Amino acid sequence: MPQFQYGQTLIEWRFELAPDLKRHYITVERGELVLLRGPDASLEEQTQLIRQRARWICEKRQQVNQLVAEEIIVTGSRLRYAGRSYYVEVQHQPDAKGVALRFTASRFVISNPTGTSIKSAQLAPFLTRFYMERAHSKLLPRLRYWEKKNGLGIARRAH
């Protein structure tokens, strides 16, 4: 595992080759090594990229770990969906009848009548409903496609 010492902090990372990318990207997530993705790079080049972004990496690690400890979701938090981590915006809407969750192409927007933060446990049922709705909308058309392609839908209807 490559390592870089930044002050008192040891940054360990893993490199993921992504030749289709034109530049390198760094991802920081809770409980994971720092992920460096991009075109081929020597260990020396990787270290240089990590060195250049070391301060940012440390700040992001602190934010991620702080949010976990508090289990509170605020604007700037991240939520997972479809294998990616998305930005969260929490909007205080005192006139709303309850919590509402919506997803734009790039972020989760949470309308909350009680303030600009929400506990993870309060949001959990809304996220579960969102995941279920998305799963149905994406999986059912794929299932129909493969049924037709393999003749399974026809055989099932015949029985």
C-alpha atoms as a PDB file:
ATOM      1  CA  MET A   1       0.000   0.000   0.000  1.00  0.00           C
ATOM      2  CA  PRO A   2       1.562   3.325  -0.982  1.00  0.00           C
ATOM      3  CA  GLN A   3       1.858   5.858   1.825  1.00  0.00           C
ATOM      4  CA  PHE A   4       2.594   9.549   2.234  1.00  0.00           C
ATOM      5  CA  GLN A   5       3.302  11.268   5.548  1.00  0.00           C
ATOM      6  CA  TYR A   6       1.572  14.664   5.764  1.00  0.00           C
ATOM      7  CA  GLY A   7       2.483  16.248   9.091  1.00  0.00           C
ATOM      8  CA  GLN A   8       1.162  13.883  11.766  1.00  0.00           C
ATOM      9  CA  THR A   9      -1.185  12.152   9.301  1.00  0.00           C
ATOM     10  CA  LEU A  10      -0.323   9.067   7.284  1.00  0.00           C
ATOM     11  CA  ILE A  11      -2.200   8.946   3.993  1.00  0.00           C
ATOM     12  CA  GLU A  12      -2.518   5.499   2.421  1.00  0.00           C
ATOM     13  CA  TRP A  13      -4.065   5.085  -0.996  1.00  0.00           C
ATOM     14  CA  ARG A  14      -4.831   2.613  -3.696  1.00  0.00           C
ATOM     15  CA  PHE A  15      -4.526   3.326  -7.384  1.00  0.00           C
ATOM     16  CA  GLU A  16      -7.218   2.312  -9.842  1.00  0.00           C
ATOM     17  CA  LEU A  17      -6.204   2.434 -13.478  1.00  0.00           C
ATOM     18  CA  ALA A  18      -8.845   4.181 -15.584  1.00  0.00           C
ATOM     19  CA  PRO A  19      -7.309   4.805 -19.009  1.00  0.00           C
ATOM     20  CA  ASP A  20     -10.540   6.359 -20.305  1.00  0.00           C
ATOM     21  CA  LEU A  21     -10.114   9.287 -17.884  1.00  0.00           C
ATOM     22  CA  LYS A  22      -8.055  12.261 -19.011  1.00  0.00           C
ATOM     23  CA  ARG A  23      -7.020  13.332 -15.521  1.00  0.00           C
ATOM     24  CA  HIS A  24      -6.677  11.876 -12.036  1.00  0.00           C
ATOM     25  CA  TYR A  25      -9.423  11.937  -9.401  1.00  0.00           C
ATOM     26  CA  ILE A  26      -9.150  11.435  -5.653  1.00  0.00           C
ATOM     27  CA  THR A  27     -11.998  10.027  -3.572  1.00  0.00           C
ATOM     28  CA  VAL A  28     -12.190  10.024   0.223  1.00  0.00           C
ATOM     29  CA  GLU A  29     -14.790   7.815   1.874  1.00  0.00           C
ATOM     30  CA  ARG A  30     -15.359   6.586   5.409  1.00  0.00           C
ATOM     31  CA  GLY A  31     -13.554   3.384   6.287  1.00  0.00           C
ATOM     32  CA  GLU A  32     -11.806   3.168   2.916  1.00  0.00           C
ATOM     33  CA  LEU A  33      -8.337   3.913   1.651  1.00  0.00           C
ATOM     34  CA  VAL A  34      -8.000   7.078  -0.384  1.00  0.00           C
ATOM     35  CA  LEU A  35      -8.793   6.154  -3.980  1.00  0.00           C
ATOM     36  CA  LEU A  36      -6.700   7.633  -6.780  1.00  0.00           C
ATOM     37  CA  ARG A  37      -8.205   6.935 -10.219  1.00  0.00           C
ATOM     38  CA  GLY A  38      -6.999   7.917 -13.638  1.00  0.00           C
ATOM     39  CA  PRO A  39      -4.594   7.163 -16.455  1.00  0.00           C
ATOM     40  CA  ASP A  40      -1.463   5.147 -15.759  1.00  0.00           C
ATOM     41  CA  ALA A  41       0.925   6.814 -13.311  1.00  0.00           C
ATOM     42  CA  SER A  42       4.155   5.682 -11.699  1.00  0.00           C
ATOM     43  CA  LEU A  43       4.378   5.462  -7.916  1.00  0.00           C
ATOM     44  CA  GLU A  44       6.351   8.702  -7.945  1.00  0.00           C
ATOM     45  CA  GLU A  45       3.624  10.463  -9.968  1.00  0.00           C
ATOM     46  CA  GLN A  46       0.932   9.057  -7.665  1.00  0.00           C
ATOM     47  CA  THR A  47       2.804  10.319  -4.613  1.00  0.00           C
ATOM     48  CA  GLN A  48       3.089  13.767  -6.188  1.00  0.00           C
ATOM     49  CA  LEU A  49      -0.685  13.838  -6.848  1.00  0.00           C
ATOM     50  CA  ILE A  50      -1.416  12.803  -3.252  1.00  0.00           C
ATOM     51  CA  ARG A  51       1.103  15.365  -1.936  1.00  0.00           C
ATOM     52  CA  GLN A  52      -0.593  18.155  -3.924  1.00  0.00           C
ATOM     53  CA  ARG A  53      -4.013  17.256  -2.494  1.00  0.00           C
ATOM     54  CA  ALA A  54      -2.895  16.188   1.009  1.00  0.00           C
ATOM     55  CA  ARG A  55      -4.504  19.105   2.821  1.00  0.00           C
ATOM     56  CA  TRP A  56      -7.806  18.556   0.985  1.00  0.00           C
ATOM     57  CA  ILE A  57      -7.640  14.806   1.746  1.00  0.00           C
ATOM     58  CA  CYS A  58      -7.150  15.493   5.477  1.00  0.00           C
ATOM     59  CA  GLU A  59     -10.048  17.973   5.539  1.00  0.00           C
ATOM     60  CA  LYS A  60     -12.369  15.516   3.762  1.00  0.00           C
ATOM     61  CA  ARG A  61     -11.382  12.688   6.102  1.00  0.00           C
ATOM     62  CA  GLN A  62     -12.181  14.870   9.091  1.00  0.00           C
ATOM     63  CA  GLN A  63     -15.592  15.815   7.665  1.00  0.00           C
ATOM     64  CA  VAL A  64     -16.496  12.230   6.836  1.00  0.00           C
ATOM     65  CA  ASN A  65     -15.469  10.930  10.248  1.00  0.00           C
ATOM     66  CA  GLN A  66     -17.194  13.802  12.079  1.00  0.00           C
ATOM     67  CA  LEU A  67     -20.483  13.142  10.307  1.00  0.00           C
ATOM     68  CA  VAL A  68     -20.281   9.446  11.184  1.00  0.00           C
ATOM     69  CA  ALA A  69     -19.667  10.184  14.837  1.00  0.00           C
ATOM     70  CA  GLU A  70     -22.636  12.542  15.019  1.00  0.00           C
ATOM     71  CA  GLU A  71     -24.892  10.533  12.682  1.00  0.00           C
ATOM     72  CA  ILE A  72     -26.328  13.852  11.558  1.00  0.00           C
ATOM     73  CA  ILE A  73     -26.838  14.739   7.927  1.00  0.00           C
ATOM     74  CA  VAL A  74     -26.233  18.355   6.949  1.00  0.00           C
ATOM     75  CA  THR A  75     -25.602  20.232   3.726  1.00  0.00           C
ATOM     76  CA  GLY A  76     -22.299  18.895   2.425  1.00  0.00           C
ATOM     77  CA  SER A  77     -22.811  15.356   3.701  1.00  0.00           C
ATOM     78  CA  ARG A  78     -22.669  12.491   1.231  1.00  0.00           C
ATOM     79  CA  LEU A  79     -25.221   9.735   0.581  1.00  0.00           C
ATOM     80  CA  ARG A  80     -24.619   6.587  -1.438  1.00  0.00           C
ATOM     81  CA  TYR A  81     -26.653   5.647  -4.495  1.00  0.00           C
ATOM     82  CA  ALA A  82     -25.872   3.248  -7.340  1.00  0.00           C
ATOM     83  CA  GLY A  83     -22.274   2.744  -6.238  1.00  0.00           C
ATOM     84  CA  ARG A  84     -21.486   6.444  -6.012  1.00  0.00           C
ATOM     85  CA  SER A  85     -21.444   9.068  -3.303  1.00  0.00           C
ATOM     86  CA  TYR A  86     -23.641  12.141  -3.854  1.00  0.00           C
ATOM     87  CA  TYR A  87     -23.663  15.603  -2.274  1.00  0.00           C
ATOM     88  CA  VAL A  88     -26.547  16.368   0.104  1.00  0.00           C
ATOM     89  CA  GLU A  89     -28.344  19.677   0.481  1.00  0.00           C
ATOM     90  CA  VAL A  90     -30.593  20.041   3.546  1.00  0.00           C
ATOM     91  CA  GLN A  91     -33.131  22.857   3.200  1.00  0.00           C
ATOM     92  CA  HIS A  92     -35.067  24.230   6.163  1.00  0.00           C
ATOM     93  CA  GLN A  93     -38.691  24.575   5.073  1.00  0.00           C
ATOM     94  CA  PRO A  94     -40.805  25.413   8.134  1.00  0.00           C
ATOM     95  CA  ASP A  95     -44.089  25.263   6.172  1.00  0.00           C
ATOM     96  CA  ALA A  96     -43.514  21.669   4.995  1.00  0.00           C
ATOM     97  CA  LYS A  97     -45.744  18.999   6.560  1.00  0.00           C
ATOM     98  CA  GLY A  98     -42.846  16.605   6.924  1.00  0.00           C
ATOM     99  CA  VAL A  99     -39.466  15.542   5.661  1.00  0.00           C
ATOM    100  CA  ALA A 100     -39.174  15.127   1.894  1.00  0.00           C
ATOM    101  CA  LEU A 101     -36.324  13.632  -0.124  1.00  0.00           C
ATOM    102  CA  ARG A 102     -35.680  14.155  -3.813  1.00  0.00           C
ATOM    103  CA  PHE A 103     -32.782  13.366  -6.083  1.00  0.00           C
ATOM    104  CA  THR A 104     -31.550  15.550  -8.909  1.00  0.00           C
ATOM    105  CA  ALA A 105     -29.015  14.197 -11.362  1.00  0.00           C
ATOM    106  CA  SER A 106     -26.155  15.209  -9.068  1.00  0.00           C
ATOM    107  CA  ARG A 107     -27.415  15.596  -5.499  1.00  0.00           C
ATOM    108  CA  PHE A 108     -29.922  14.652  -2.830  1.00  0.00           C
ATOM    109  CA  VAL A 109     -32.147  17.497  -1.640  1.00  0.00           C
ATOM    110  CA  ILE A 110     -33.818  17.064   1.748  1.00  0.00           C
ATOM    111  CA  SER A 111     -36.624  19.407   2.791  1.00  0.00           C
ATOM    112  CA  ASN A 112     -36.855  19.469   6.566  1.00  0.00           C
ATOM    113  CA  PRO A 113     -39.442  21.447   8.566  1.00  0.00           C
ATOM    114  CA  THR A 114     -37.367  21.274  11.772  1.00  0.00           C
ATOM    115  CA  GLY A 115     -34.024  22.703  10.630  1.00  0.00           C
ATOM    116  CA  THR A 116     -30.943  22.412   8.477  1.00  0.00           C
ATOM    117  CA  SER A 117     -29.884  19.009   9.778  1.00  0.00           C
ATOM    118  CA  ILE A 118     -31.514  15.617  10.156  1.00  0.00           C
ATOM    119  CA  LYS A 119     -30.543  12.462  12.010  1.00  0.00           C
ATOM    120  CA  SER A 120     -29.657   9.422   9.920  1.00  0.00           C
ATOM    121  CA  ALA A 121     -32.366   7.385  11.638  1.00  0.00           C
ATOM    122  CA  GLN A 122     -35.018   9.964  10.673  1.00  0.00           C
ATOM    123  CA  LEU A 123     -33.917   9.902   7.049  1.00  0.00           C
ATOM    124  CA  ALA A 124     -33.593   6.098   6.779  1.00  0.00           C
ATOM    125  CA  PRO A 125     -37.238   5.367   5.782  1.00  0.00           C
ATOM    126  CA  PHE A 126     -37.124   8.031   3.064  1.00  0.00           C
ATOM    127  CA  LEU A 127     -33.866   6.635   1.669  1.00  0.00           C
ATOM    128  CA  THR A 128     -35.264   3.099   1.740  1.00  0.00           C
ATOM    129  CA  ARG A 129     -38.354   4.222  -0.194  1.00  0.00           C
ATOM    130  CA  PHE A 130     -36.145   6.087  -2.697  1.00  0.00           C
ATOM    131  CA  TYR A 131     -33.918   3.022  -3.231  1.00  0.00           C
ATOM    132  CA  MET A 132     -36.946   0.741  -3.678  1.00  0.00           C
ATOM    133  CA  GLU A 133     -38.594   3.065  -6.210  1.00  0.00           C
ATOM    134  CA  ARG A 134     -35.376   3.380  -8.197  1.00  0.00           C
ATOM    135  CA  ALA A 135     -34.808  -0.369  -8.116  1.00  0.00           C
ATOM    136  CA  HIS A 136     -38.293  -1.031  -9.496  1.00  0.00           C
ATOM    137  CA  SER A 137     -37.973   1.592 -12.214  1.00  0.00           C
ATOM    138  CA  LYS A 138     -34.600   0.247 -13.361  1.00  0.00           C
ATOM    139  CA  LEU A 139     -34.888  -3.494 -12.791  1.00  0.00           C
ATOM    140  CA  LEU A 140     -38.351  -4.231 -14.182  1.00  0.00           C
ATOM    141  CA  PRO A 141     -37.576  -2.953 -17.715  1.00  0.00           C
ATOM    142  CA  ARG A 142     -34.312  -4.957 -17.710  1.00  0.00           C
ATOM    143  CA  LEU A 143     -36.178  -8.052 -16.559  1.00  0.00           C
ATOM    144  CA  ARG A 144     -38.723  -7.645 -19.385  1.00  0.00           C
ATOM    145  CA  TYR A 145     -35.896  -7.184 -21.898  1.00  0.00           C
ATOM    146  CA  TRP A 146     -34.125 -10.394 -20.853  1.00  0.00           C
ATOM    147  CA  GLU A 147     -37.387 -12.324 -20.681  1.00  0.00           C
ATOM    148  CA  LYS A 148     -38.071 -11.428 -24.307  1.00  0.00           C
ATOM    149  CA  LYS A 149     -34.498 -12.022 -25.408  1.00  0.00           C
ATOM    150  CA  ASN A 150     -34.350 -15.482 -23.799  1.00  0.00           C
ATOM    151  CA  GLY A 151     -37.961 -16.454 -24.449  1.00  0.00           C
ATOM    152  CA  LEU A 152     -38.620 -16.843 -20.734  1.00  0.00           C
ATOM    153  CA  GLY A 153     -41.646 -14.542 -20.679  1.00  0.00           C
ATOM    154  CA  ILE A 154     -43.301 -16.633 -23.417  1.00  0.00           C
ATOM    155  CA  ALA A 155     -42.593 -19.934 -21.664  1.00  0.00           C
ATOM    156  CA  ARG A 156     -43.905 -18.607 -18.367  1.00  0.00           C
ATOM    157  CA  ARG A 157     -47.142 -17.377 -19.969  1.00  0.00           C
ATOM    158  CA  ALA A 158     -47.640 -20.739 -21.702  1.00  0.00           C
ATOM    159  CA  HIS A 159     -47.636 -22.653 -18.403  1.00  0.00           C
END
